[in-house]
PDB file of N, CA and C in Angstrom:
ATOM      1  N   MET A   1      -1.578 -44.541  60.012  1.00  0.00           N
ATOM      2  CA  MET A   1      -2.105 -44.121  60.723  1.00  0.00           C
ATOM      3  C   MET A   1      -2.407 -42.974  60.897  1.00  0.00           C
ATOM      4  N   PHE A   2      -2.552 -41.981  61.302  1.00  0.00           N
ATOM      5  CA  PHE A   2      -3.079 -40.743  61.434  1.00  0.00           C
ATOM      6  C   PHE A   2      -2.358 -40.037  60.161  1.00  0.00           C
ATOM      7  N   ASP A   3      -2.842 -39.152  59.484  1.00  0.00           N
ATOM      8  CA  ASP A   3      -2.854 -38.420  58.286  1.00  0.00           C
ATOM      9  C   ASP A   3      -2.687 -36.861  58.922  1.00  0.00           C
ATOM     10  N   VAL A   4      -1.648 -36.444  58.850  1.00  0.00           N
ATOM     11  CA  VAL A   4      -1.781 -35.111  59.490  1.00  0.00           C
ATOM     12  C   VAL A   4      -0.543 -34.221  58.807  1.00  0.00           C
ATOM     13  N   GLY A   5      -1.519 -33.071  58.073  1.00  0.00           N
ATOM     14  CA  GLY A   5      -0.499 -32.543  57.280  1.00  0.00           C
ATOM     15  C   GLY A   5      -0.082 -30.985  58.101  1.00  0.00           C
ATOM     16  N   PHE A   6       0.495 -30.339  57.186  1.00  0.00           N
ATOM     17  CA  PHE A   6       0.963 -28.808  57.810  1.00  0.00           C
ATOM     18  C   PHE A   6      -0.409 -28.046  58.195  1.00  0.00           C
ATOM     19  N   TRP A   7      -1.063 -28.089  57.820  1.00  0.00           N
ATOM     20  CA  TRP A   7      -1.968 -27.334  58.339  1.00  0.00           C
ATOM     21  C   TRP A   7      -2.818 -27.500  59.915  1.00  0.00           C
ATOM     22  N   GLU A   8      -2.893 -28.889  59.767  1.00  0.00           N
ATOM     23  CA  GLU A   8      -3.334 -29.501  60.991  1.00  0.00           C
ATOM     24  C   GLU A   8      -2.164 -28.866  62.174  1.00  0.00           C
ATOM     25  N   LEU A   9      -1.185 -29.452  61.896  1.00  0.00           N
ATOM     26  CA  LEU A   9       0.039 -28.938  62.860  1.00  0.00           C
ATOM     27  C   LEU A   9      -0.033 -27.236  63.048  1.00  0.00           C
ATOM     28  N   MET A  10      -0.246 -26.466  62.246  1.00  0.00           N
ATOM     29  CA  MET A  10       0.132 -25.418  62.350  1.00  0.00           C
ATOM     30  C   MET A  10      -1.332 -24.916  63.342  1.00  0.00           C
ATOM     31  N   LEU A  11      -2.551 -25.288  63.319  1.00  0.00           N
ATOM     32  CA  LEU A  11      -3.429 -25.339  63.998  1.00  0.00           C
ATOM     33  C   LEU A  11      -3.200 -25.752  65.628  1.00  0.00           C
ATOM     34  N   ILE A  12      -2.994 -26.815  65.192  1.00  0.00           N
ATOM     35  CA  ILE A  12      -2.527 -27.523  66.965  1.00  0.00           C
ATOM     36  C   ILE A  12      -1.363 -26.597  67.763  1.00  0.00           C
ATOM     37  N   GLY A  13      -0.230 -26.355  66.858  1.00  0.00           N
ATOM     38  CA  GLY A  13       0.355 -25.062  67.727  1.00  0.00           C
ATOM     39  C   GLY A  13       0.270 -24.039  68.398  1.00  0.00           C
ATOM     40  N   VAL A  14      -0.854 -23.274  67.430  1.00  0.00           N
ATOM     41  CA  VAL A  14      -1.420 -22.364  67.686  1.00  0.00           C
ATOM     42  C   VAL A  14      -2.327 -22.399  69.159  1.00  0.00           C
ATOM     43  N   VAL A  15      -3.156 -23.636  69.382  1.00  0.00           N
ATOM     44  CA  VAL A  15      -3.995 -23.763  69.905  1.00  0.00           C
ATOM     45  C   VAL A  15      -3.083 -23.753  71.306  1.00  0.00           C
ATOM     46  N   ALA A  16      -2.091 -24.677  71.208  1.00  0.00           N
ATOM     47  CA  ALA A  16      -1.316 -24.836  72.498  1.00  0.00           C
ATOM     48  C   ALA A  16      -0.932 -23.751  72.866  1.00  0.00           C
ATOM     49  N   LEU A  17      -0.402 -22.706  71.591  1.00  0.00           N
ATOM     50  CA  LEU A  17       0.585 -21.523  72.007  1.00  0.00           C
ATOM     51  C   LEU A  17      -0.453 -20.439  73.199  1.00  0.00           C
ATOM     52  N   LEU A  18      -1.932 -20.568  72.700  1.00  0.00           N
ATOM     53  CA  LEU A  18      -3.040 -19.607  73.623  1.00  0.00           C
ATOM     54  C   LEU A  18      -3.395 -20.366  74.436  1.00  0.00           C
ATOM     55  N   VAL A  19      -3.403 -21.663  74.940  1.00  0.00           N
ATOM     56  CA  VAL A  19      -3.988 -22.363  76.317  1.00  0.00           C
ATOM     57  C   VAL A  19      -2.555 -22.318  77.070  1.00  0.00           C
ATOM     58  N   VAL A  20      -1.589 -23.123  76.562  1.00  0.00           N
ATOM     59  CA  VAL A  20      -0.163 -23.176  77.821  1.00  0.00           C
ATOM     60  C   VAL A  20       0.388 -21.832  78.067  1.00  0.00           C
ATOM     61  N   GLY A  21       0.628 -20.614  76.527  1.00  0.00           N
ATOM     62  CA  GLY A  21       1.341 -19.678  76.909  1.00  0.00           C
ATOM     63  C   GLY A  21       2.750 -19.941  76.078  1.00  0.00           C
ATOM     64  N   PRO A  22       3.200 -18.559  76.035  1.00  0.00           N
ATOM     65  CA  PRO A  22       4.946 -18.764  75.286  1.00  0.00           C
ATOM     66  C   PRO A  22       5.735 -19.121  76.436  1.00  0.00           C
ATOM     67  N   GLU A  23       6.176 -18.907  77.109  1.00  0.00           N
ATOM     68  CA  GLU A  23       6.916 -19.383  78.460  1.00  0.00           C
ATOM     69  C   GLU A  23       6.706 -20.704  78.627  1.00  0.00           C
ATOM     70  N   ARG A  24       5.865 -20.982  78.460  1.00  0.00           N
ATOM     71  CA  ARG A  24       5.968 -22.911  79.122  1.00  0.00           C
ATOM     72  C   ARG A  24       5.572 -23.597  77.735  1.00  0.00           C
ATOM     73  N   LEU A  25       5.848 -23.367  76.545  1.00  0.00           N
ATOM     74  CA  LEU A  25       5.265 -23.943  74.751  1.00  0.00           C
ATOM     75  C   LEU A  25       6.594 -24.846  75.214  1.00  0.00           C
ATOM     76  N   PRO A  26       8.050 -24.279  75.301  1.00  0.00           N
ATOM     77  CA  PRO A  26       9.114 -24.932  74.736  1.00  0.00           C
ATOM     78  C   PRO A  26       9.121 -26.316  75.814  1.00  0.00           C
ATOM     79  N   LYS A  27       9.019 -26.177  77.035  1.00  0.00           N
ATOM     80  CA  LYS A  27       9.252 -27.148  78.027  1.00  0.00           C
ATOM     81  C   LYS A  27       8.068 -28.325  77.869  1.00  0.00           C
ATOM     82  N   LEU A  28       6.958 -28.013  77.189  1.00  0.00           N
ATOM     83  CA  LEU A  28       5.774 -28.764  77.026  1.00  0.00           C
ATOM     84  C   LEU A  28       5.554 -29.346  75.427  1.00  0.00           C
ATOM     85  N   ALA A  29       6.795 -29.018  75.033  1.00  0.00           N
ATOM     86  CA  ALA A  29       7.171 -29.427  73.247  1.00  0.00           C
ATOM     87  C   ALA A  29       8.202 -30.577  73.349  1.00  0.00           C
ATOM     88  N   TYR A  30       9.057 -30.118  74.739  1.00  0.00           N
ATOM     89  CA  TYR A  30      10.364 -31.103  75.168  1.00  0.00           C
ATOM     90  C   TYR A  30       9.611 -32.241  75.562  1.00  0.00           C
ATOM     91  N   THR A  31       8.573 -32.302  76.618  1.00  0.00           N
ATOM     92  CA  THR A  31       8.221 -33.373  77.343  1.00  0.00           C
ATOM     93  C   THR A  31       7.322 -34.022  76.194  1.00  0.00           C
ATOM     94  N   ALA A  32       6.199 -33.403  75.466  1.00  0.00           N
ATOM     95  CA  ALA A  32       5.409 -34.283  74.247  1.00  0.00           C
ATOM     96  C   ALA A  32       6.693 -34.816  73.665  1.00  0.00           C
ATOM     97  N   GLY A  33       7.524 -34.295  73.252  1.00  0.00           N
ATOM     98  CA  GLY A  33       8.235 -35.388  72.275  1.00  0.00           C
ATOM     99  C   GLY A  33       9.416 -36.352  72.843  1.00  0.00           C
ATOM    100  N   LYS A  34       9.453 -36.195  74.256  1.00  0.00           N
ATOM    101  CA  LYS A  34      10.310 -37.152  74.846  1.00  0.00           C
ATOM    102  C   LYS A  34       8.976 -38.176  75.189  1.00  0.00           C
ATOM    103  N   TRP A  35       7.745 -37.921  75.431  1.00  0.00           N
ATOM    104  CA  TRP A  35       6.814 -39.203  75.744  1.00  0.00           C
ATOM    105  C   TRP A  35       6.615 -40.040  74.070  1.00  0.00           C
ATOM    106  N   LEU A  36       6.874 -38.902  73.510  1.00  0.00           N
ATOM    107  CA  LEU A  36       6.747 -39.533  71.806  1.00  0.00           C
ATOM    108  C   LEU A  36       7.741 -40.621  71.342  1.00  0.00           C
ATOM    109  N   GLY A  37       8.709 -40.047  71.710  1.00  0.00           N
ATOM    110  CA  GLY A  37      10.185 -41.083  71.727  1.00  0.00           C
ATOM    111  C   GLY A  37       9.789 -42.218  72.582  1.00  0.00           C
ATOM    112  N   LYS A  38       9.646 -42.041  73.843  1.00  0.00           N
ATOM    113  CA  LYS A  38       9.044 -43.353  74.606  1.00  0.00           C
ATOM    114  C   LYS A  38       8.183 -44.441  73.881  1.00  0.00           C
ATOM    115  N   GLY A  39       6.987 -43.528  73.570  1.00  0.00           N
ATOM    116  CA  GLY A  39       6.394 -44.521  72.863  1.00  0.00           C
ATOM    117  C   GLY A  39       6.330 -45.161  71.567  1.00  0.00           C
ATOM    118  N   ARG A  40       7.196 -44.678  70.805  1.00  0.00           N
ATOM    119  CA  ARG A  40       7.759 -44.917  69.662  1.00  0.00           C
ATOM    120  C   ARG A  40       8.666 -46.299  69.702  1.00  0.00           C
ATOM    121  N   SER A  41       9.497 -46.033  70.964  1.00  0.00           N
ATOM    122  CA  SER A  41      10.603 -47.145  71.353  1.00  0.00           C
ATOM    123  C   SER A  41      10.181 -48.280  71.803  1.00  0.00           C
ATOM    124  N   MET A  42       8.773 -48.004  72.802  1.00  0.00           N
ATOM    125  CA  MET A  42       7.648 -49.219  72.826  1.00  0.00           C
ATOM    126  C   MET A  42       7.319 -50.012  71.845  1.00  0.00           C
ATOM    127  N   LEU A  43       6.629 -49.197  70.496  1.00  0.00           N
ATOM    128  CA  LEU A  43       5.961 -49.785  70.056  1.00  0.00           C
ATOM    129  C   LEU A  43       6.904 -50.399  68.878  1.00  0.00           C
ATOM    130  N   SER A  44       7.941 -50.358  68.832  1.00  0.00           N
ATOM    131  CA  SER A  44       9.108 -50.902  67.919  1.00  0.00           C
ATOM    132  C   SER A  44       9.505 -51.893  68.705  1.00  0.00           C
ATOM    133  N   ALA A  45       9.744 -51.821  70.204  1.00  0.00           N
ATOM    134  CA  ALA A  45       9.750 -52.895  70.690  1.00  0.00           C
ATOM    135  C   ALA A  45       9.575 -54.424  70.614  1.00  0.00           C
ATOM    136  N   VAL A  46       7.903 -53.897  70.925  1.00  0.00           N
ATOM    137  CA  VAL A  46       6.288 -55.132  71.014  1.00  0.00           C
ATOM    138  C   VAL A  46       6.706 -55.769  69.494  1.00  0.00           C
ATOM    139  N   LYS A  47       7.289 -54.510  68.240  1.00  0.00           N
ATOM    140  CA  LYS A  47       6.972 -55.004  67.272  1.00  0.00           C
ATOM    141  C   LYS A  47       8.249 -55.819  66.914  1.00  0.00           C
ATOM    142  N   SER A  48       9.389 -55.614  67.247  1.00  0.00           N
ATOM    143  CA  SER A  48       9.997 -56.826  67.110  1.00  0.00           C
ATOM    144  C   SER A  48      10.072 -58.110  67.858  1.00  0.00           C
ATOM    145  N   GLU A  49       9.128 -58.020  69.169  1.00  0.00           N
ATOM    146  CA  GLU A  49       9.433 -59.172  69.433  1.00  0.00           C
ATOM    147  C   GLU A  49       7.933 -60.103  68.699  1.00  0.00           C
ATOM    148  N   ILE A  50       7.542 -59.355  68.470  1.00  0.00           N
ATOM    149  CA  ILE A  50       5.939 -59.952  67.450  1.00  0.00           C
ATOM    150  C   ILE A  50       6.729 -60.618  66.262  1.00  0.00           C
ATOM    151  N   ASP A  51       7.791 -60.013  65.676  1.00  0.00           N
ATOM    152  CA  ASP A  51       8.310 -60.469  64.626  1.00  0.00           C
ATOM    153  C   ASP A  51       9.184 -61.588  64.860  1.00  0.00           C
ATOM    154  N   LYS A  52       9.483 -61.881  66.055  1.00  0.00           N
ATOM    155  CA  LYS A  52      10.804 -63.102  66.537  1.00  0.00           C
ATOM    156  C   LYS A  52       9.759 -63.959  66.710  1.00  0.00           C
ATOM    157  N   GLU A  53       8.618 -63.833  67.370  1.00  0.00           N
ATOM    158  CA  GLU A  53       8.132 -65.143  67.801  1.00  0.00           C
ATOM    159  C   GLU A  53       7.362 -65.463  66.406  1.00  0.00           C
ATOM    160  N   ILE A  54       7.026 -64.814  65.540  1.00  0.00           N
ATOM    161  CA  ILE A  54       6.488 -65.341  64.017  1.00  0.00           C
ATOM    162  C   ILE A  54       7.479 -66.033  63.469  1.00  0.00           C
ATOM    163  N   LYS A  55       8.696 -65.422  63.745  1.00  0.00           N
ATOM    164  CA  LYS A  55      10.091 -66.740  62.921  1.00  0.00           C
ATOM    165  C   LYS A  55      10.507 -67.513  63.649  1.00  0.00           C
ATOM    166  N   SER A  56      10.016 -67.389  65.265  1.00  0.00           N
ATOM    167  CA  SER A  56      10.270 -68.710  65.528  1.00  0.00           C
ATOM    168  C   SER A  56       9.090 -69.629  65.357  1.00  0.00           C
ATOM    169  N   GLU A  57       7.693 -69.151  65.212  1.00  0.00           N
ATOM    170  CA  GLU A  57       6.746 -69.993  64.701  1.00  0.00           C
ATOM    171  C   GLU A  57       6.943 -71.081  63.287  1.00  0.00           C
ATOM    172  N   GLU A  58       7.673 -70.258  62.654  1.00  0.00           N
ATOM    173  CA  GLU A  58       7.648 -70.627  61.369  1.00  0.00           C
ATOM    174  C   GLU A  58       9.064 -71.401  61.145  1.00  0.00           C
ATOM    175  N   LEU A  59       9.884 -71.175  62.018  1.00  0.00           N
ATOM    176  CA  LEU A  59      10.966 -72.377  62.196  1.00  0.00           C
ATOM    177  C   LEU A  59      10.443 -73.504  62.585  1.00  0.00           C
ATOM    178  N   LYS A  60       9.947 -73.634  63.528  1.00  0.00           N
ATOM    179  CA  LYS A  60       9.053 -74.671  64.433  1.00  0.00           C
ATOM    180  C   LYS A  60       8.325 -75.432  63.332  1.00  0.00           C
ATOM    181  N   LYS A  61       7.280 -74.530  62.164  1.00  0.00           N
ATOM    182  CA  LYS A  61       6.738 -75.293  61.175  1.00  0.00           C
ATOM    183  C   LYS A  61       7.857 -76.030  59.935  1.00  0.00           C
ATOM    184  N   VAL A  62       8.899 -75.489  60.026  1.00  0.00           N
ATOM    185  CA  VAL A  62       9.897 -75.897  59.059  1.00  0.00           C
ATOM    186  C   VAL A  62      10.391 -77.207  59.707  1.00  0.00           C
ATOM    187  N   LEU A  63      10.859 -77.049  60.556  1.00  0.00           N
ATOM    188  CA  LEU A  63      11.618 -78.344  61.195  1.00  0.00           C
ATOM    189  C   LEU A  63      10.501 -79.315  61.584  1.00  0.00           C
ATOM    190  N   GLU A  64       9.177 -79.230  61.722  1.00  0.00           N
ATOM    191  CA  GLU A  64       8.158 -80.273  61.928  1.00  0.00           C
ATOM    192  C   GLU A  64       8.119 -80.693  60.490  1.00  0.00           C
ATOM    193  N   GLU A  65       8.085 -79.779  59.416  1.00  0.00           N
ATOM    194  CA  GLU A  65       7.981 -80.114  57.754  1.00  0.00           C
ATOM    195  C   GLU A  65       9.187 -81.193  57.436  1.00  0.00           C
ATOM    196  N   GLN A  66      10.319 -80.862  57.970  1.00  0.00           N
ATOM    197  CA  GLN A  66      11.650 -81.647  57.491  1.00  0.00           C
ATOM    198  C   GLN A  66      11.366 -83.088  58.529  1.00  0.00           C
ATOM    199  N   LYS A  67      10.829 -82.922  59.942  1.00  0.00           N
ATOM    200  CA  LYS A  67      10.831 -84.056  60.589  1.00  0.00           C
ATOM    201  C   LYS A  67       9.871 -85.121  60.015  1.00  0.00           C
ATOM    202  N   ARG A  68       8.556 -84.653  59.343  1.00  0.00           N
ATOM    203  CA  ARG A  68       7.515 -85.186  58.893  1.00  0.00           C
ATOM    204  C   ARG A  68       8.317 -85.906  57.527  1.00  0.00           C
ATOM    205  N   MET A  69       9.012 -85.249  56.654  1.00  0.00           N
ATOM    206  CA  MET A  69       9.908 -85.797  55.729  1.00  0.00           C
ATOM    207  C   MET A  69      10.980 -86.866  55.745  1.00  0.00           C
ATOM    208  N   MET A  70      11.790 -86.521  57.194  1.00  0.00           N
ATOM    209  CA  MET A  70      12.680 -87.642  57.358  1.00  0.00           C
ATOM    210  C   MET A  70      12.207 -89.113  57.743  1.00  0.00           C
ATOM    211  N   ASN A  71      11.078 -88.903  58.517  1.00  0.00           N
ATOM    212  CA  ASN A  71      10.233 -90.637  59.093  1.00  0.00           C
ATOM    213  C   ASN A  71      10.303 -91.470  57.997  1.00  0.00           C
ATOM    214  N   PRO A  72       9.712 -91.080  56.541  1.00  0.00           N
ATOM    215  CA  PRO A  72       9.561 -91.754  55.565  1.00  0.00           C
ATOM    216  C   PRO A  72      11.246 -92.704  55.037  1.00  0.00           C
ATOM    217  N   MET A  73      12.161 -91.706  55.182  1.00  0.00           N
ATOM    218  CA  MET A  73      13.696 -92.077  54.908  1.00  0.00           C
ATOM    219  C   MET A  73      14.104 -92.901  55.815  1.00  0.00           C
ATOM    220  N   GLU A  74      13.601 -92.726  57.328  1.00  0.00           N
ATOM    221  CA  GLU A  74      13.999 -93.601  58.176  1.00  0.00           C
ATOM    222  C   GLU A  74      13.363 -94.914  58.440  1.00  0.00           C
ATOM    223  N   GLU A  75      12.306 -94.859  57.795  1.00  0.00           N
ATOM    224  CA  GLU A  75      11.741 -96.385  57.701  1.00  0.00           C
ATOM    225  C   GLU A  75      12.265 -97.000  56.582  1.00  0.00           C
ATOM    226  N   ILE A  76      12.593 -96.487  55.331  1.00  0.00           N
ATOM    227  CA  ILE A  76      13.004 -96.889  54.134  1.00  0.00           C
ATOM    228  C   ILE A  76      14.480 -97.760  54.531  1.00  0.00           C
ATOM    229  N   ILE A  77      15.147 -96.552  55.209  1.00  0.00           N
ATOM    230  CA  ILE A  77      16.571 -97.118  55.747  1.00  0.00           C
ATOM    231  C   ILE A  77      16.299 -98.425  56.641  1.00  0.00           C
ATOM    232  N   GLU A  78      15.580 -98.808  57.604  1.00  0.00           N
ATOM    233  CA  GLU A  78      15.118 -99.490  58.619  1.00  0.00           C
ATOM    234  C   GLU A  78      14.543-100.848  57.841  1.00  0.00           C
ATOM    235  N   GLU A  79      14.179-100.599  56.874  1.00  0.00           N
ATOM    236  CA  GLU A  79      13.700-101.908  56.067  1.00  0.00           C
ATOM    237  C   GLU A  79      14.640-102.789  55.451  1.00  0.00           C
ATOM    238  N   THR A  80      15.474-101.308  54.788  1.00  0.00           N
ATOM    239  CA  THR A  80      16.420-102.018  54.021  1.00  0.00           C
ATOM    240  C   THR A  80      17.927-102.561  54.830  1.00  0.00           C
ATOM    241  N   SER A  81      18.091-102.181  56.053  1.00  0.00           N
ATOM    242  CA  SER A  81      18.958-102.707  56.881  1.00  0.00           C
ATOM    243  C   SER A  81      18.308-104.238  57.417  1.00  0.00           C
ATOM    244  N   SER A  82      16.983-104.508  57.872  1.00  0.00           N
ATOM    245  CA  SER A  82      16.636-105.848  57.877  1.00  0.00           C
ATOM    246  C   SER A  82      16.570-106.360  56.662  1.00  0.00           C
ATOM    247  N   ALA A  83      16.361-105.953  55.700  1.00  0.00           N
ATOM    248  CA  ALA A  83      16.339-106.954  54.617  1.00  0.00           C
ATOM    249  C   ALA A  83      17.858-107.614  54.291  1.00  0.00           C
ATOM    250  N   VAL A  84      18.719-106.375  54.594  1.00  0.00           N
ATOM    251  CA  VAL A  84      20.279-106.822  54.603  1.00  0.00           C
ATOM    252  C   VAL A  84      20.270-108.296  55.457  1.00  0.00           C
ATOM    253  N   LYS A  85      19.922-108.032  56.846  1.00  0.00           N
ATOM    254  CA  LYS A  85      20.117-108.995  57.757  1.00  0.00           C
ATOM    255  C   LYS A  85      20.041-110.382  57.287  1.00  0.00           C
ATOM    256  N   GLU A  86      18.529-110.222  56.807  1.00  0.00           N
ATOM    257  CA  GLU A  86      18.052-111.470  56.623  1.00  0.00           C
ATOM    258  C   GLU A  86      18.826-112.287  55.294  1.00  0.00           C
ATOM    259  N   ILE A  87      19.126-111.685  54.802  1.00  0.00           N
ATOM    260  CA  ILE A  87      20.283-111.965  53.640  1.00  0.00           C
ATOM    261  C   ILE A  87      21.273-112.805  54.051  1.00  0.00           C
ATOM    262  N   LYS A  88      21.892-111.865  55.146  1.00  0.00           N
ATOM    263  CA  LYS A  88      22.980-112.443  55.523  1.00  0.00           C
ATOM    264  C   LYS A  88      22.809-113.619  56.635  1.00  0.00           C
ATOM    265  N   ASN A  89      22.011-113.795  57.184  1.00  0.00           N
ATOM    266  CA  ASN A  89      21.457-114.670  57.729  1.00  0.00           C
ATOM    267  C   ASN A  89      21.179-116.453  56.978  1.00  0.00           C
ATOM    268  N   GLU A  90      20.527-116.012  55.666  1.00  0.00           N
ATOM    269  CA  GLU A  90      20.435-116.834  54.597  1.00  0.00           C
ATOM    270  C   GLU A  90      21.608-117.192  54.388  1.00  0.00           C
ATOM    271  N   THR A  91      22.309-116.381  53.955  1.00  0.00           N
ATOM    272  CA  THR A  91      23.787-117.068  53.150  1.00  0.00           C
ATOM    273  C   THR A  91      24.154-117.653  54.356  1.00  0.00           C
ATOM    274  N   GLU A  92      24.906-117.182  55.887  1.00  0.00           N
ATOM    275  CA  GLU A  92      25.396-117.926  56.413  1.00  0.00           C
ATOM    276  C   GLU A  92      24.506-119.425  56.531  1.00  0.00           C
ATOM    277  N   ASN A  93      23.595-119.537  56.619  1.00  0.00           N
ATOM    278  CA  ASN A  93      22.784-120.768  56.787  1.00  0.00           C
ATOM    279  C   ASN A  93      23.134-121.922  55.948  1.00  0.00           C
ATOM    280  N   VAL A  94      23.177-121.140  54.188  1.00  0.00           N
ATOM    281  CA  VAL A  94      23.182-121.483  52.867  1.00  0.00           C
ATOM    282  C   VAL A  94      24.913-122.540  53.066  1.00  0.00           C
ATOM    283  N   VAL A  95      25.932-121.282  53.915  1.00  0.00           N
ATOM    284  CA  VAL A  95      27.200-122.118  53.420  1.00  0.00           C
ATOM    285  C   VAL A  95      27.409-123.022  54.812  1.00  0.00           C
ATOM    286  N   GLN A  96      26.545-122.528  55.708  1.00  0.00           N
ATOM    287  CA  GLN A  96      26.821-124.027  57.101  1.00  0.00           C
ATOM    288  C   GLN A  96      26.250-125.354  56.304  1.00  0.00           C
ATOM    289  N   ASP A  97      25.388-124.931  55.901  1.00  0.00           N
ATOM    290  CA  ASP A  97      24.934-126.323  55.341  1.00  0.00           C
ATOM    291  C   ASP A  97      25.729-127.058  54.383  1.00  0.00           C
ATOM    292  N   ALA A  98      26.136-126.372  53.532  1.00  0.00           N
ATOM    293  CA  ALA A  98      26.820-126.775  52.303  1.00  0.00           C
ATOM    294  C   ALA A  98      28.436-127.089  52.804  1.00  0.00           C
ATOM    295  N   HIS A  99      28.618-126.670  53.983  1.00  0.00           N
ATOM    296  CA  HIS A  99      29.811-127.015  54.720  1.00  0.00           C
ATOM    297  C   HIS A  99      29.728-128.462  55.137  1.00  0.00           C
ATOM    298  N   LYS A 100      28.317-128.354  56.090  1.00  0.00           N
ATOM    299  CA  LYS A 100      27.793-129.743  56.370  1.00  0.00           C
ATOM    300  C   LYS A 100      28.014-130.765  55.304  1.00  0.00           C
ATOM    301  N   GLN A 101      27.291-130.761  54.230  1.00  0.00           N
ATOM    302  CA  GLN A 101      27.401-131.472  52.767  1.00  0.00           C
ATOM    303  C   GLN A 101      28.938-131.623  52.633  1.00  0.00           C
ATOM    304  N   TYR A 102      29.678-130.745  52.508  1.00  0.00           N
ATOM    305  CA  TYR A 102      30.927-131.295  52.478  1.00  0.00           C
ATOM    306  C   TYR A 102      31.616-132.178  53.254  1.00  0.00           C
ATOM    307  N   ALA A 103      31.022-131.888  54.310  1.00  0.00           N
ATOM    308  CA  ALA A 103      32.058-132.944  55.409  1.00  0.00           C
ATOM    309  C   ALA A 103      31.540-134.096  55.202  1.00  0.00           C
ATOM    310  N   SER A 104      29.687-134.272  55.037  1.00  0.00           N
ATOM    311  CA  SER A 104      30.000-135.893  55.113  1.00  0.00           C
ATOM    312  C   SER A 104      30.026-136.363  53.944  1.00  0.00           C
ATOM    313  N   ASP A 105      29.828-135.711  52.827  1.00  0.00           N
ATOM    314  CA  ASP A 105      30.711-136.131  51.596  1.00  0.00           C
ATOM    315  C   ASP A 105      32.122-136.690  51.620  1.00  0.00           C
ATOM    316  N   ASP A 106      32.797-135.912  52.328  1.00  0.00           N
ATOM    317  CA  ASP A 106      34.360-136.222  52.161  1.00  0.00           C
ATOM    318  C   ASP A 106      34.584-137.629  53.361  1.00  0.00           C
ATOM    319  N   GLN A 107      33.797-137.291  54.425  1.00  0.00           N
ATOM    320  CA  GLN A 107      33.738-138.804  55.322  1.00  0.00           C
ATOM    321  C   GLN A 107      33.201-140.079  54.753  1.00  0.00           C
ATOM    322  N   SER A 108      32.285-140.074  53.621  1.00  0.00           N
ATOM    323  CA  SER A 108      31.889-141.033  53.098  1.00  0.00           C
ATOM    324  C   SER A 108      32.425-141.291  51.827  1.00  0.00           C
ATOM    325  N   ASP A 109      33.238-140.300  51.277  1.00  0.00           N
ATOM    326  CA  ASP A 109      34.548-141.023  50.227  1.00  0.00           C
ATOM    327  C   ASP A 109      35.581-141.478  51.007  1.00  0.00           C
ATOM    328  N   SER A 110      35.875-141.174  52.091  1.00  0.00           N
ATOM    329  CA  SER A 110      37.084-141.886  52.743  1.00  0.00           C
ATOM    330  C   SER A 110      37.216-143.250  52.967  1.00  0.00           C
ATOM    331  N   PRO A 111      38.202-144.036  52.559  1.00  0.00           N
ATOM    332  CA  PRO A 111      38.347-145.761  52.858  1.00  0.00           C
ATOM    333  C   PRO A 111      38.312-145.880  54.106  1.00  0.00           C
ATOM    334  N   PRO A 112      37.840-146.867  54.567  1.00  0.00           N
ATOM    335  CA  PRO A 112      37.583-147.196  55.890  1.00  0.00           C
ATOM    336  C   PRO A 112      39.085-147.469  56.470  1.00  0.00           C
ATOM    337  N   GLY A 113      39.450-147.327  57.713  1.00  0.00           N
ATOM    338  CA  GLY A 113      40.712-147.260  58.113  1.00  0.00           C
ATOM    339  C   GLY A 113      40.628-147.550  59.672  1.00  0.00           C
ATOM    340  N   PRO A 114      41.535-147.218  60.005  1.00  0.00           N
ATOM    341  CA  PRO A 114      41.715-146.895  62.183  1.00  0.00           C
ATOM    342  C   PRO A 114      40.884-145.987  62.014  1.00  0.00           C
ATOM    343  N   ALA A 115      40.695-145.930  63.477  1.00  0.00           N
ATOM    344  CA  ALA A 115      39.765-144.757  63.974  1.00  0.00           C
ATOM    345  C   ALA A 115      40.469-143.436  64.101  1.00  0.00           C
ATOM    346  N   GLY A 116      39.924-142.363  63.344  1.00  0.00           N
ATOM    347  CA  GLY A 116      40.572-140.948  63.712  1.00  0.00           C
ATOM    348  C   GLY A 116      41.131-140.755  62.268  1.00  0.00           C
ATOM    349  N   GLU A 117      41.783-141.947  61.658  1.00  0.00           N
ATOM    350  CA  GLU A 117      42.201-141.279  60.004  1.00  0.00           C
ATOM    351  C   GLU A 117      41.032-141.176  58.990  1.00  0.00           C
ATOM    352  N   LYS A 118      41.819-140.679  57.986  1.00  0.00           N
ATOM    353  CA  LYS A 118      40.937-140.687  56.978  1.00  0.00           C
ATOM    354  C   LYS A 118      41.843-141.296  55.531  1.00  0.00           C
TER     355      LYS A 118
END
């Protein structure tokens, strides 16, 4: 910001003493200090709000990045589960076919007899 040294402050103090006078200078210094304090507190509040906004934007970016990284994982999980379901269906079909084949082989091997007996 401003680079104000000791001699510049002394010059400002002497000019203020000549312009305002010695009896009103302490009140002027108090009021100036009060306004400077309010300005600094407002500046720090604005700075902290900006920092919060920046951090929230960074957090949103990180969350979006993680969401993009999770999307392929979800696709892989979905593909895997669909493949497992297909294998399950195929296995059930093979088992049913084998059961039907076994039942038909069992009926053809049985000797002829009264109805309902084997």
